[in-house]
Amino acid sequence: DPANNPQHWRISDRRLRDFLYVSVMAIAAKYSSKLNTPARTQDLLTDVHGFLAGLKNEDDPDSARIADFAVSTSTPTAFKGSGAQLYDIMVETFDHMDSPVFRMEVGSTVDVTVLK
């Protein structure tokens, strides 16, 4: 379980997670130390959404790097006045094809029309 044993993370998942984190922090840098106005919050969400939409690439799904994502903000009351703003980013990755498993039926009585 990677949550309990970080060394068991797939290296490709870890690299993607690191890439996403660094990229989102670079996007957020231009908003840092500015007033947290509703317009700035929306602009930041829009920038992050645009970045992730590029990785999802709905126009060319075969070149997509992620399967889906969601971005939102939900700052708890405890954060108010602290200068911190909480953003939630969820990214769904594609499964890996490390071990394809095939289920086969072979024989003269197999009905292949089931799969057609």
N, C-alpha and C. Protein backbone atom coordinates (compact mmCIF):
# COMPACT_ATOMS: atom_id res chain seq x y z
N ASP A 1 0.85 -1.19 0.00
CA ASP A 1 0.00 0.00 0.00
C ASP A 1 0.89 1.24 0.00
N PRO A 2 0.86 2.04 -1.07
CA PRO A 2 1.72 3.22 -1.15
C PRO A 2 1.47 4.24 -0.04
N ALA A 3 0.26 4.28 0.51
CA ALA A 3 -0.01 5.24 1.58
C ALA A 3 0.82 4.93 2.81
N ASN A 4 1.01 3.64 3.09
CA ASN A 4 1.81 3.22 4.25
C ASN A 4 3.27 2.98 3.91
N ASN A 5 3.54 2.70 2.65
CA ASN A 5 4.90 2.41 2.19
C ASN A 5 5.19 3.22 0.94
N PRO A 6 5.59 4.49 1.10
CA PRO A 6 5.80 5.35 -0.08
C PRO A 6 6.79 4.79 -1.08
N GLN A 7 7.67 3.92 -0.66
CA GLN A 7 8.65 3.35 -1.58
C GLN A 7 7.97 2.41 -2.58
N HIS A 8 6.71 2.05 -2.34
CA HIS A 8 6.00 1.15 -3.24
C HIS A 8 5.20 1.87 -4.32
N TRP A 9 5.27 3.20 -4.34
CA TRP A 9 4.61 3.95 -5.41
C TRP A 9 5.23 3.55 -6.73
N ARG A 10 4.42 3.42 -7.75
CA ARG A 10 4.97 3.24 -9.10
C ARG A 10 5.77 4.48 -9.42
N ILE A 11 6.92 4.32 -9.99
CA ILE A 11 7.75 5.48 -10.30
C ILE A 11 7.04 6.41 -11.28
N SER A 12 6.28 5.85 -12.22
CA SER A 12 5.57 6.71 -13.17
C SER A 12 4.48 7.52 -12.46
N ASP A 13 3.81 6.93 -11.47
CA ASP A 13 2.80 7.68 -10.69
C ASP A 13 3.47 8.77 -9.87
N ARG A 14 4.59 8.43 -9.29
CA ARG A 14 5.30 9.41 -8.46
C ARG A 14 5.80 10.58 -9.31
N ARG A 15 6.33 10.27 -10.47
CA ARG A 15 6.81 11.34 -11.36
C ARG A 15 5.65 12.23 -11.80
N LEU A 16 4.51 11.63 -12.12
CA LEU A 16 3.35 12.42 -12.53
C LEU A 16 2.87 13.28 -11.37
N ARG A 17 2.79 12.71 -10.18
CA ARG A 17 2.38 13.48 -9.00
C ARG A 17 3.34 14.65 -8.77
N ASP A 18 4.62 14.40 -8.85
CA ASP A 18 5.61 15.47 -8.66
C ASP A 18 5.48 16.53 -9.75
N PHE A 19 5.30 16.11 -10.99
CA PHE A 19 5.13 17.05 -12.10
C PHE A 19 3.90 17.92 -11.89
N LEU A 20 2.79 17.30 -11.49
CA LEU A 20 1.55 18.06 -11.26
C LEU A 20 1.74 19.06 -10.13
N TYR A 21 2.36 18.63 -9.04
CA TYR A 21 2.57 19.51 -7.89
C TYR A 21 3.43 20.72 -8.28
N VAL A 22 4.54 20.47 -8.92
CA VAL A 22 5.45 21.55 -9.31
C VAL A 22 4.76 22.49 -10.30
N SER A 23 4.02 21.94 -11.24
CA SER A 23 3.34 22.75 -12.24
C SER A 23 2.25 23.62 -11.62
N VAL A 24 1.46 23.05 -10.73
CA VAL A 24 0.39 23.82 -10.08
C VAL A 24 0.99 24.91 -9.18
N MET A 25 2.08 24.61 -8.51
CA MET A 25 2.72 25.62 -7.66
C MET A 25 3.28 26.76 -8.53
N ALA A 26 3.78 26.44 -9.71
CA ALA A 26 4.28 27.48 -10.62
C ALA A 26 3.13 28.36 -11.10
N ILE A 27 1.99 27.76 -11.37
CA ILE A 27 0.81 28.53 -11.76
C ILE A 27 0.38 29.44 -10.62
N ALA A 28 0.37 28.91 -9.40
CA ALA A 28 -0.09 29.67 -8.23
C ALA A 28 0.87 30.79 -7.83
N ALA A 29 2.12 30.71 -8.27
CA ALA A 29 3.12 31.70 -7.84
C ALA A 29 2.72 33.13 -8.20
N LYS A 30 2.08 33.31 -9.34
CA LYS A 30 1.73 34.67 -9.74
C LYS A 30 0.58 35.25 -8.91
N TYR A 31 -0.09 34.41 -8.13
CA TYR A 31 -1.18 34.88 -7.27
C TYR A 31 -0.72 35.06 -5.82
N SER A 32 0.43 34.55 -5.50
CA SER A 32 0.94 34.59 -4.13
C SER A 32 1.13 36.02 -3.64
N SER A 33 0.80 36.25 -2.39
CA SER A 33 0.96 37.55 -1.71
C SER A 33 0.05 38.64 -2.27
N LYS A 34 -0.99 38.26 -2.96
CA LYS A 34 -1.96 39.23 -3.44
C LYS A 34 -3.24 39.06 -2.63
N LEU A 35 -4.12 40.06 -2.70
CA LEU A 35 -5.39 39.94 -2.01
C LEU A 35 -6.21 38.80 -2.59
N ASN A 36 -6.86 38.08 -1.72
CA ASN A 36 -7.65 36.92 -2.14
C ASN A 36 -9.06 37.36 -2.54
N THR A 37 -9.14 38.03 -3.65
CA THR A 37 -10.43 38.50 -4.15
C THR A 37 -11.14 37.35 -4.87
N PRO A 38 -12.47 37.41 -4.97
CA PRO A 38 -13.18 36.36 -5.72
C PRO A 38 -12.67 36.23 -7.16
N ALA A 39 -12.34 37.35 -7.79
CA ALA A 39 -11.84 37.30 -9.17
C ALA A 39 -10.50 36.55 -9.24
N ARG A 40 -9.60 36.81 -8.29
CA ARG A 40 -8.30 36.12 -8.30
C ARG A 40 -8.48 34.63 -8.03
N THR A 41 -9.36 34.30 -7.09
CA THR A 41 -9.62 32.88 -6.82
C THR A 41 -10.11 32.20 -8.08
N GLN A 42 -11.04 32.83 -8.77
CA GLN A 42 -11.57 32.25 -10.01
C GLN A 42 -10.50 32.17 -11.09
N ASP A 43 -9.67 33.18 -11.19
CA ASP A 43 -8.58 33.15 -12.18
C ASP A 43 -7.61 32.01 -11.91
N LEU A 44 -7.27 31.80 -10.65
CA LEU A 44 -6.37 30.71 -10.30
C LEU A 44 -7.01 29.37 -10.63
N LEU A 45 -8.27 29.21 -10.26
CA LEU A 45 -8.97 27.96 -10.58
C LEU A 45 -9.02 27.73 -12.10
N THR A 46 -9.26 28.81 -12.84
CA THR A 46 -9.32 28.71 -14.30
C THR A 46 -7.96 28.32 -14.88
N ASP A 47 -6.88 28.90 -14.36
CA ASP A 47 -5.54 28.55 -14.84
C ASP A 47 -5.20 27.10 -14.56
N VAL A 48 -5.50 26.63 -13.36
CA VAL A 48 -5.22 25.23 -13.00
C VAL A 48 -6.09 24.30 -13.85
N HIS A 49 -7.35 24.65 -14.00
CA HIS A 49 -8.26 23.85 -14.82
C HIS A 49 -7.74 23.77 -16.26
N GLY A 50 -7.29 24.88 -16.81
CA GLY A 50 -6.76 24.88 -18.17
C GLY A 50 -5.54 24.00 -18.32
N PHE A 51 -4.64 24.05 -17.34
CA PHE A 51 -3.45 23.20 -17.36
C PHE A 51 -3.84 21.72 -17.36
N LEU A 52 -4.75 21.34 -16.45
CA LEU A 52 -5.16 19.94 -16.36
C LEU A 52 -5.97 19.51 -17.58
N ALA A 53 -6.77 20.42 -18.13
CA ALA A 53 -7.54 20.09 -19.34
C ALA A 53 -6.59 19.77 -20.49
N GLY A 54 -5.46 20.46 -20.54
CA GLY A 54 -4.46 20.17 -21.56
C GLY A 54 -3.88 18.77 -21.40
N LEU A 55 -3.73 18.32 -20.16
CA LEU A 55 -3.22 16.96 -19.93
C LEU A 55 -4.28 15.90 -20.21
N LYS A 56 -5.54 16.27 -20.01
CA LYS A 56 -6.63 15.33 -20.32
C LYS A 56 -6.84 15.23 -21.83
N ASN A 57 -6.67 16.34 -22.52
CA ASN A 57 -6.69 16.42 -23.98
C ASN A 57 -7.90 15.71 -24.60
N GLU A 58 -9.08 16.26 -24.37
CA GLU A 58 -10.29 15.65 -24.90
C GLU A 58 -10.34 15.67 -26.43
N ASP A 59 -9.61 16.57 -27.06
CA ASP A 59 -9.56 16.62 -28.53
C ASP A 59 -8.79 15.45 -29.13
N ASP A 60 -7.85 14.91 -28.37
CA ASP A 60 -7.04 13.78 -28.85
C ASP A 60 -6.80 12.84 -27.66
N PRO A 61 -7.81 12.05 -27.28
CA PRO A 61 -7.71 11.20 -26.10
C PRO A 61 -6.52 10.24 -26.09
N ASP A 62 -6.04 9.85 -27.27
CA ASP A 62 -4.90 8.93 -27.31
C ASP A 62 -3.60 9.58 -26.84
N SER A 63 -3.53 10.90 -26.83
CA SER A 63 -2.33 11.56 -26.33
C SER A 63 -2.54 12.13 -24.92
N ALA A 64 -3.66 11.80 -24.30
CA ALA A 64 -3.94 12.28 -22.95
C ALA A 64 -2.96 11.69 -21.94
N ARG A 65 -2.62 12.49 -20.93
CA ARG A 65 -1.72 12.03 -19.86
C ARG A 65 -2.50 11.67 -18.60
N ILE A 66 -3.73 12.19 -18.46
CA ILE A 66 -4.57 11.88 -17.31
C ILE A 66 -5.97 11.51 -17.81
N ALA A 67 -6.70 10.75 -17.01
CA ALA A 67 -8.03 10.30 -17.40
C ALA A 67 -9.09 11.35 -17.10
N ASP A 68 -9.00 11.99 -15.94
CA ASP A 68 -9.99 13.00 -15.56
C ASP A 68 -9.46 13.80 -14.39
N PHE A 69 -10.15 14.90 -14.07
CA PHE A 69 -9.73 15.74 -12.95
C PHE A 69 -10.89 16.60 -12.48
N ALA A 70 -10.73 17.13 -11.28
CA ALA A 70 -11.68 18.10 -10.73
C ALA A 70 -10.88 19.10 -9.91
N VAL A 71 -11.32 20.36 -9.94
CA VAL A 71 -10.65 21.44 -9.21
C VAL A 71 -11.71 22.26 -8.50
N SER A 72 -11.49 22.56 -7.22
CA SER A 72 -12.43 23.41 -6.49
C SER A 72 -11.70 24.08 -5.33
N THR A 73 -12.40 24.97 -4.67
CA THR A 73 -11.85 25.61 -3.48
C THR A 73 -12.84 25.47 -2.35
N SER A 74 -12.34 25.23 -1.16
CA SER A 74 -13.20 25.10 0.01
C SER A 74 -12.37 25.46 1.24
N THR A 75 -12.32 26.74 1.55
CA THR A 75 -11.48 27.18 2.66
C THR A 75 -12.23 27.02 3.98
N PRO A 76 -11.71 26.20 4.89
CA PRO A 76 -12.37 26.03 6.19
C PRO A 76 -12.34 27.33 7.00
N THR A 77 -13.28 27.47 7.90
CA THR A 77 -13.36 28.66 8.74
C THR A 77 -12.06 28.87 9.50
N ALA A 78 -11.41 27.80 9.89
CA ALA A 78 -10.15 27.92 10.65
C ALA A 78 -9.06 28.61 9.84
N PHE A 79 -9.15 28.58 8.51
CA PHE A 79 -8.16 29.22 7.66
C PHE A 79 -8.40 30.72 7.48
N LYS A 80 -9.63 31.16 7.75
CA LYS A 80 -9.98 32.57 7.51
C LYS A 80 -9.03 33.48 8.28
N GLY A 81 -8.54 34.49 7.61
CA GLY A 81 -7.64 35.45 8.23
C GLY A 81 -6.20 34.99 8.32
N SER A 82 -5.91 33.77 7.89
CA SER A 82 -4.54 33.24 8.00
C SER A 82 -3.72 33.52 6.74
N GLY A 83 -4.39 33.92 5.68
CA GLY A 83 -3.69 34.12 4.42
C GLY A 83 -3.61 32.85 3.60
N ALA A 84 -4.13 31.76 4.13
CA ALA A 84 -4.11 30.48 3.41
C ALA A 84 -5.45 30.25 2.73
N GLN A 85 -5.39 29.72 1.54
CA GLN A 85 -6.58 29.38 0.77
C GLN A 85 -6.45 27.93 0.36
N LEU A 86 -7.44 27.12 0.64
CA LEU A 86 -7.39 25.69 0.34
C LEU A 86 -8.02 25.41 -1.02
N TYR A 87 -7.27 24.73 -1.88
CA TYR A 87 -7.75 24.31 -3.18
C TYR A 87 -7.72 22.79 -3.23
N ASP A 88 -8.76 22.20 -3.74
CA ASP A 88 -8.84 20.74 -3.88
C ASP A 88 -8.64 20.38 -5.34
N ILE A 89 -7.68 19.52 -5.58
CA ILE A 89 -7.41 19.04 -6.93
C ILE A 89 -7.38 17.51 -6.88
N MET A 90 -8.24 16.92 -7.67
CA MET A 90 -8.30 15.46 -7.77
C MET A 90 -7.95 15.09 -9.21
N VAL A 91 -7.00 14.17 -9.38
CA VAL A 91 -6.58 13.75 -10.72
C VAL A 91 -6.66 12.23 -10.80
N GLU A 92 -7.40 11.76 -11.80
CA GLU A 92 -7.50 10.33 -12.05
C GLU A 92 -6.50 9.97 -13.14
N THR A 93 -5.65 9.02 -12.87
CA THR A 93 -4.66 8.59 -13.86
C THR A 93 -5.19 7.35 -14.59
N PHE A 94 -4.54 7.01 -15.66
CA PHE A 94 -4.88 5.79 -16.39
C PHE A 94 -4.29 4.60 -15.67
N ASP A 95 -4.97 3.46 -15.77
CA ASP A 95 -4.40 2.22 -15.25
C ASP A 95 -3.18 1.84 -16.07
N HIS A 96 -2.32 1.05 -15.46
CA HIS A 96 -1.13 0.55 -16.16
C HIS A 96 -1.45 -0.79 -16.80
N MET A 97 -0.72 -1.10 -17.86
CA MET A 97 -0.88 -2.39 -18.53
C MET A 97 0.32 -3.28 -18.26
N ASP A 98 0.69 -3.38 -17.00
CA ASP A 98 1.85 -4.20 -16.65
C ASP A 98 1.60 -5.69 -16.87
N SER A 99 0.40 -6.14 -16.58
CA SER A 99 0.08 -7.56 -16.65
C SER A 99 -1.28 -7.79 -17.28
N PRO A 100 -1.36 -7.73 -18.61
CA PRO A 100 -2.66 -8.02 -19.24
C PRO A 100 -3.12 -9.44 -18.89
N VAL A 101 -4.39 -9.58 -18.63
CA VAL A 101 -4.95 -10.88 -18.30
C VAL A 101 -6.01 -11.19 -19.35
N PHE A 102 -5.92 -12.35 -19.94
CA PHE A 102 -6.87 -12.76 -20.97
C PHE A 102 -7.72 -13.91 -20.46
N ARG A 103 -9.00 -13.78 -20.66
CA ARG A 103 -9.92 -14.87 -20.33
C ARG A 103 -10.31 -15.49 -21.67
N MET A 104 -10.09 -16.80 -21.81
CA MET A 104 -10.33 -17.46 -23.09
C MET A 104 -11.26 -18.65 -22.93
N GLU A 105 -12.02 -18.86 -23.98
CA GLU A 105 -12.77 -20.09 -24.13
C GLU A 105 -12.40 -20.65 -25.49
N VAL A 106 -12.05 -21.90 -25.51
CA VAL A 106 -11.63 -22.53 -26.76
C VAL A 106 -12.37 -23.86 -26.87
N GLY A 107 -12.93 -24.11 -28.00
CA GLY A 107 -13.60 -25.41 -28.21
C GLY A 107 -14.64 -25.32 -29.29
N SER A 108 -15.15 -26.49 -29.68
CA SER A 108 -16.13 -26.55 -30.79
C SER A 108 -17.51 -26.07 -30.36
N THR A 109 -17.76 -25.94 -29.08
CA THR A 109 -19.08 -25.50 -28.62
C THR A 109 -19.10 -24.05 -28.14
N VAL A 110 -18.02 -23.33 -28.35
CA VAL A 110 -17.94 -21.93 -27.91
C VAL A 110 -18.81 -21.06 -28.82
N ASP A 111 -19.63 -20.22 -28.23
CA ASP A 111 -20.48 -19.30 -28.99
C ASP A 111 -19.79 -17.94 -29.05
N VAL A 112 -19.14 -17.65 -30.20
CA VAL A 112 -18.40 -16.41 -30.35
C VAL A 112 -19.29 -15.20 -30.58
N THR A 113 -20.54 -15.41 -30.88
CA THR A 113 -21.44 -14.28 -31.10
C THR A 113 -21.66 -13.48 -29.82
N VAL A 114 -21.38 -14.05 -28.67
CA VAL A 114 -21.54 -13.36 -27.40
C VAL A 114 -20.66 -12.10 -27.37
N LEU A 115 -19.47 -12.15 -27.99
CA LEU A 115 -18.53 -11.05 -27.95
C LEU A 115 -18.69 -10.07 -29.10
N LYS A 116 -19.49 -10.41 -30.09
CA LYS A 116 -19.60 -9.55 -31.27
C LYS A 116 -20.61 -8.46 -31.07
